[in-house]
Amino acid sequence: MMNNKPVIMVTGWLGQLGSELFDIAGNYPQFEFNFSDKDEMDLMNAEQITSFFEQLKPAYFISCGAYTAVDKAETDREIALAINADAPGTIAALCSQYNTKLIHISTDYVFSGNSTEPYKEDDVTDPVNFYGYSKLLGEKLVLQNNDNTIVIRTSWVYSTYGNNFVKTMLRLMGSRPEISVVSDQVGSPTYARDLAAAIMAIVTNPSGEFTTGVYHFSNDGIISWYDFAVAIKEIKHLNCIVHPIPTTAYPTPAKRPAYSGMSKEKITSTFPIKLKGWREVLEECLAKL
C-alpha cells in the first residue's frame, strides 16, 4: 500500500533542534518524517542530497544541519562555507525543482551587534565573524534559489540535547567554587523545543498560508550571558559564585556581536505562535536535565 502522507525532511537530526523535532514528530501523525544527519546525508555531497529528493519528494524540508563551531569557523572557512552556504543553496534549488517548502534556520550572528534596540528582519546585516558571514550567504542563496522559503533567525540555542551554554554552566558550577561570565554581550536565549514547536506551527498553520521570507524567533526577553548564568545558578540552587566580566577579559578567535536582541513581532503576527519568557522555559529545561 502506498503511503500518501506528505513527507517532512529534517537535516541535522542529532543536533539540538533536530533532536527536539524528532521528539515531537509523533504529535503530527498526518506527516511522514525523514530525519537525517551527516552519516545519512553528507551536506557536502550534492549527489547524496539529490538522491534523497528523488526518493522522498518531500513536501517540506526543515534545514537544521549547520556548521556551528563559531571560533573554529575563523580558520575552517572552506568547510563552514560548504555546509552553511553551498549546501543550503543546493537544497533550495532542489526544493524549487520538487515544489518543496523550505524552512531554513539561520542566526542572530548575521548582525554587527552595534544596535541598541531589537533587530528587525529587514535591518542591515553586517556579520562580525566568519560563521555569521557563512550563515548570511546561506540565507541569500536559499531565498534566491527557492521562492517557497522561510528563513528563521534564532539565537543562543540550548536544549537537553547536544552541547550548549546551559550544560556547560551546570558542569562548571558543579565543579568550581567560582566562575566568570561575560556580562557585556546581550541577546535572547532560545529553548530548542520552543523553536521546534514554532516550526511545526508554521507547517500546520490552520490558514494553510506559508508566508515566505525572513523571520526572527527566540524566547521573550533580552539578557546578558552573565544574567543567563545567574538564573541557572538560582534555579538549580548552586553555591558557585558567578562573576561578571567584560568581553575583553575573555578573548575568543571569533568576535561576538555585543547586542543581538531581535524583534519577534513579525513571526507572532504572521503565524499562530506565542512567545514564552526565557526564564520560564529555562526552568522547564533544567527540570528535565
Protein backbone atom coordinates (compact mmCIF):
# COMPACT_ATOMS: atom_id res chain seq x y z
CA MET A 1 0.00 0.00 0.00
CA MET A 2 1.32 3.43 -0.94
CA ASN A 3 1.85 5.91 1.86
CA ASN A 4 0.37 9.22 0.70
CA LYS A 5 1.28 11.29 3.72
CA PRO A 6 3.28 14.45 2.93
CA VAL A 7 6.95 13.94 3.76
CA ILE A 8 8.90 16.31 6.00
CA MET A 9 12.66 16.01 5.66
CA VAL A 10 14.81 17.22 8.56
CA THR A 11 18.60 17.60 8.42
CA GLY A 12 20.81 17.96 11.47
CA TRP A 13 18.82 15.27 13.26
CA LEU A 14 21.37 14.78 16.04
CA GLY A 15 21.74 18.49 16.80
CA GLN A 16 19.70 20.33 19.42
CA LEU A 17 16.86 21.44 17.15
CA GLY A 18 16.78 18.23 15.11
CA SER A 19 16.55 16.16 18.31
CA GLU A 20 13.66 18.28 19.61
CA LEU A 21 11.82 17.95 16.27
CA PHE A 22 12.37 14.19 16.45
CA ASP A 23 10.82 14.19 19.95
CA ILE A 24 7.63 16.00 18.89
CA ALA A 25 7.23 14.34 15.46
CA GLY A 26 4.81 11.79 16.96
CA ASN A 27 2.35 14.65 17.65
CA TYR A 28 1.94 15.12 13.88
CA PRO A 29 0.73 11.74 12.52
CA GLN A 30 -0.52 13.44 9.34
CA PHE A 31 3.12 13.66 8.15
CA GLU A 32 5.83 11.17 7.32
CA PHE A 33 9.08 12.45 8.85
CA ASN A 34 12.51 11.63 7.49
CA PHE A 35 15.40 12.56 9.78
CA SER A 36 18.99 12.59 8.58
CA ASP A 37 22.34 13.59 9.99
CA LYS A 38 25.76 13.72 8.35
CA ASP A 39 26.03 9.91 8.39
CA GLU A 40 22.86 9.58 6.30
CA MET A 41 23.15 12.77 4.26
CA ASP A 42 26.51 14.49 3.96
CA LEU A 43 25.74 18.16 3.33
CA MET A 44 29.00 18.44 1.39
CA ASN A 45 27.79 15.78 -1.06
CA ALA A 46 25.36 17.31 -3.59
CA GLU A 47 24.70 13.92 -5.24
CA GLN A 48 23.60 12.41 -1.95
CA ILE A 49 21.25 15.33 -1.28
CA THR A 50 19.81 14.98 -4.80
CA SER A 51 19.10 11.27 -4.38
CA PHE A 52 17.22 11.96 -1.13
CA PHE A 53 14.96 14.37 -3.01
CA GLU A 54 14.41 11.92 -5.89
CA GLN A 55 13.49 9.19 -3.46
CA LEU A 56 11.30 11.13 -0.98
CA LYS A 57 9.92 14.10 -2.96
CA PRO A 58 9.36 15.98 0.31
CA ALA A 59 6.51 18.44 0.84
CA TYR A 60 8.63 20.27 3.45
CA PHE A 61 12.34 20.47 4.11
CA ILE A 62 13.50 21.70 7.52
CA SER A 63 17.15 22.64 7.24
CA CYS A 64 18.70 22.37 10.73
CA GLY A 65 22.07 20.96 9.68
CA ALA A 66 24.85 23.55 10.01
CA TYR A 67 28.46 24.19 10.87
CA THR A 68 28.09 25.83 14.29
CA ALA A 69 31.66 25.94 15.72
CA VAL A 70 31.85 29.74 15.75
CA ASP A 71 35.53 30.08 16.72
CA LYS A 72 36.70 27.19 14.54
CA ALA A 73 34.96 28.73 11.53
CA GLU A 74 37.55 31.54 11.55
CA THR A 75 40.17 29.08 10.26
CA ASP A 76 37.95 26.30 8.90
CA ARG A 77 36.44 28.67 6.34
CA GLU A 78 36.11 26.32 3.39
CA ILE A 79 34.11 23.74 5.35
CA ALA A 80 31.97 26.40 7.07
CA LEU A 81 31.07 27.86 3.66
CA ALA A 82 30.38 24.44 2.13
CA ILE A 83 27.97 23.47 4.94
CA ASN A 84 26.39 26.86 5.78
CA ALA A 85 26.13 28.38 2.30
CA ASP A 86 26.71 25.96 -0.60
CA ALA A 87 24.64 23.08 0.85
CA PRO A 88 21.58 25.22 1.68
CA GLY A 89 21.83 26.72 -1.83
CA THR A 90 21.79 23.22 -3.35
CA ILE A 91 18.90 22.16 -1.09
CA ALA A 92 16.90 25.27 -2.04
CA ALA A 93 17.41 24.64 -5.77
CA LEU A 94 16.16 21.06 -5.30
CA CYS A 95 13.20 22.35 -3.24
CA SER A 96 12.32 24.59 -6.17
CA GLN A 97 12.54 21.63 -8.58
CA TYR A 98 10.36 19.37 -6.39
CA ASN A 99 7.95 22.11 -5.27
CA THR A 100 9.09 21.66 -1.66
CA LYS A 101 8.51 24.28 1.03
CA LEU A 102 11.81 25.09 2.76
CA ILE A 103 12.31 26.24 6.35
CA HIS A 104 15.94 27.23 6.81
CA ILE A 105 17.47 28.05 10.21
CA SER A 106 19.83 31.00 10.49
CA THR A 107 21.34 33.08 13.28
CA ASP A 108 21.46 36.41 15.10
CA TYR A 109 25.17 36.47 14.16
CA VAL A 110 24.27 37.95 10.76
CA PHE A 111 24.10 41.31 12.59
CA SER A 112 27.01 43.51 13.72
CA GLY A 113 25.75 43.91 17.28
CA ASN A 114 26.01 47.71 17.14
CA SER A 115 22.29 48.25 17.64
CA THR A 116 20.69 49.26 20.93
CA GLU A 117 17.18 48.08 20.06
CA PRO A 118 15.89 44.72 18.80
CA TYR A 119 16.85 43.97 15.22
CA LYS A 120 14.01 43.72 12.70
CA GLU A 121 14.12 41.28 9.78
CA ASP A 122 14.92 43.98 7.20
CA ASP A 123 17.65 45.72 9.23
CA VAL A 124 21.08 45.88 7.63
CA THR A 125 23.13 42.70 8.09
CA ASP A 126 26.84 43.02 8.80
CA PRO A 127 28.37 39.95 10.47
CA VAL A 128 31.45 40.43 12.67
CA ASN A 129 32.74 36.85 12.30
CA PHE A 130 33.12 34.26 9.56
CA TYR A 131 30.43 31.97 10.95
CA GLY A 132 27.93 34.85 10.67
CA TYR A 133 29.16 35.58 7.16
CA SER A 134 28.72 31.93 6.07
CA LYS A 135 25.18 31.84 7.51
CA LEU A 136 24.26 35.14 5.82
CA LEU A 137 25.47 33.77 2.49
CA GLY A 138 23.31 30.68 3.12
CA GLU A 139 20.26 32.91 3.72
CA LYS A 140 20.87 34.74 0.44
CA LEU A 141 21.26 31.52 -1.54
CA VAL A 142 18.14 29.81 -0.17
CA LEU A 143 15.97 32.86 -0.82
CA GLN A 144 17.45 33.25 -4.30
CA ASN A 145 17.13 29.55 -5.26
CA ASN A 146 13.63 28.80 -3.97
CA ASP A 147 10.61 31.14 -3.86
CA ASN A 148 8.94 28.87 -1.32
CA THR A 149 11.39 29.59 1.52
CA ILE A 150 11.10 30.75 5.11
CA VAL A 151 14.32 31.71 6.91
CA ILE A 152 14.18 31.73 10.72
CA ARG A 153 16.97 33.54 12.52
CA THR A 154 17.37 32.35 16.09
CA SER A 155 19.83 32.97 18.93
CA TRP A 156 21.56 31.42 21.95
CA VAL A 157 20.03 27.99 21.37
CA TYR A 158 20.05 25.43 24.19
CA SER A 159 18.33 22.13 24.87
CA THR A 160 18.55 18.95 26.93
CA TYR A 161 20.38 17.62 23.83
CA GLY A 162 23.84 18.42 22.49
CA ASN A 163 26.40 20.85 23.84
CA ASN A 164 25.28 24.30 24.90
CA PHE A 165 25.76 27.13 27.38
CA VAL A 166 23.28 25.74 29.92
CA LYS A 167 25.02 22.37 30.12
CA THR A 168 28.46 24.00 30.26
CA MET A 169 27.36 26.23 33.15
CA LEU A 170 25.91 23.27 35.07
CA ARG A 171 29.18 21.38 34.64
CA LEU A 172 31.39 24.31 35.68
CA MET A 173 29.21 25.40 38.59
CA GLY A 174 29.10 21.83 39.84
CA SER A 175 32.89 21.52 39.88
CA ARG A 176 34.23 25.01 40.72
CA PRO A 177 33.70 27.40 43.65
CA GLU A 178 33.56 30.42 41.33
CA ILE A 179 33.34 31.20 37.61
CA SER A 180 33.43 34.32 35.42
CA VAL A 181 30.88 35.01 32.68
CA VAL A 182 30.76 37.77 30.06
CA SER A 183 28.26 40.49 31.02
CA ASP A 184 28.52 42.90 28.07
CA GLN A 185 27.10 40.65 25.34
CA VAL A 186 23.31 40.69 25.35
CA GLY A 187 20.70 38.76 23.41
CA SER A 188 17.86 36.26 23.81
CA PRO A 189 18.10 32.59 24.71
CA THR A 190 16.08 30.07 22.68
CA TYR A 191 14.92 26.74 24.08
CA ALA A 192 15.22 24.48 21.03
CA ARG A 193 11.97 22.72 21.95
CA ASP A 194 10.07 26.01 21.56
CA LEU A 195 11.73 26.63 18.20
CA ALA A 196 10.73 23.12 17.08
CA ALA A 197 7.12 23.82 18.15
CA ALA A 198 7.19 27.17 16.29
CA ILE A 199 8.40 25.44 13.09
CA MET A 200 5.57 22.92 13.32
CA ALA A 201 3.09 25.75 13.97
CA ILE A 202 4.20 27.21 10.62
CA VAL A 203 3.89 23.85 8.84
CA THR A 204 0.41 23.19 10.30
CA ASN A 205 -0.84 26.79 10.05
CA PRO A 206 -4.68 26.44 10.08
CA SER A 207 -5.00 29.09 7.36
CA GLY A 208 -2.72 27.00 5.13
CA GLU A 209 -0.64 30.13 4.49
CA PHE A 210 3.10 29.58 4.13
CA THR A 211 4.14 33.23 4.12
CA THR A 212 7.68 33.22 2.80
CA GLY A 213 10.55 35.49 3.85
CA VAL A 214 12.81 36.09 6.84
CA TYR A 215 11.60 35.82 10.46
CA HIS A 216 13.13 36.07 13.92
CA PHE A 217 12.42 33.65 16.75
CA SER A 218 13.70 33.27 20.31
CA ASN A 219 12.17 33.22 23.76
CA ASP A 220 10.99 36.53 25.14
CA GLY A 221 13.37 38.87 26.97
CA ILE A 222 16.86 40.25 26.40
CA ILE A 223 19.62 39.39 28.87
CA SER A 224 23.41 39.04 29.12
CA TRP A 225 25.30 35.74 29.29
CA TYR A 226 26.04 36.67 32.92
CA ASP A 227 22.27 37.07 33.65
CA PHE A 228 21.71 33.70 31.99
CA ALA A 229 24.37 32.03 34.18
CA VAL A 230 23.00 33.62 37.37
CA ALA A 231 19.50 32.36 36.53
CA ILE A 232 20.84 28.81 36.03
CA LYS A 233 22.60 29.05 39.40
CA GLU A 234 19.44 30.33 41.16
CA ILE A 235 17.05 27.80 39.61
CA LYS A 236 19.37 24.87 40.45
CA HIS A 237 20.30 26.28 43.91
CA LEU A 238 24.03 26.01 43.21
CA ASN A 239 26.66 27.52 45.52
CA CYS A 240 29.12 28.65 42.85
CA ILE A 241 29.93 32.39 42.81
CA VAL A 242 29.36 33.94 39.35
CA HIS A 243 31.49 37.00 38.48
CA PRO A 244 30.58 39.37 35.63
CA ILE A 245 33.49 40.12 33.27
CA PRO A 246 33.85 42.23 30.11
CA THR A 247 34.36 40.60 26.70
CA THR A 248 37.91 41.99 26.71
CA ALA A 249 38.73 39.69 29.64
CA TYR A 250 37.66 36.62 27.67
CA PRO A 251 39.19 36.86 24.18
CA THR A 252 37.97 34.36 21.55
CA PRO A 253 39.16 33.73 17.96
CA ALA A 254 35.79 34.94 16.60
CA LYS A 255 34.35 38.30 17.61
CA ARG A 256 30.79 38.18 19.04
CA PRO A 257 28.08 40.80 18.46
CA ALA A 258 27.67 42.88 21.64
CA TYR A 259 23.90 43.17 21.12
CA SER A 260 21.82 40.64 19.22
CA GLY A 261 18.30 41.12 20.53
CA MET A 262 15.75 40.53 17.76
CA SER A 263 12.15 41.68 17.30
CA LYS A 264 9.73 38.71 17.06
CA GLU A 265 6.71 40.81 16.12
CA LYS A 266 6.67 39.57 12.51
CA ILE A 267 6.59 35.84 13.27
CA THR A 268 3.96 36.15 16.02
CA SER A 269 1.68 38.30 13.87
CA THR A 270 2.01 36.06 10.79
CA PHE A 271 1.74 32.59 12.34
CA PRO A 272 -0.11 31.09 15.33
CA ILE A 273 2.98 31.35 17.58
CA LYS A 274 3.02 32.66 21.14
CA LEU A 275 6.33 33.51 22.79
CA LYS A 276 7.26 32.22 26.23
CA GLY A 277 9.53 34.10 28.64
CA TRP A 278 13.17 32.96 28.66
CA ARG A 279 13.24 32.22 32.40
CA GLU A 280 10.06 30.14 32.44
CA VAL A 281 11.38 27.81 29.70
CA LEU A 282 14.85 27.69 31.24
CA GLU A 283 13.15 26.26 34.35
CA GLU A 284 11.39 23.69 32.13
CA CYS A 285 14.63 22.61 30.51
CA LEU A 286 16.57 22.47 33.80
CA ALA A 287 13.82 20.33 35.35
CA LYS A 288 14.36 17.82 32.51
CA LEU A 289 18.13 17.89 32.94
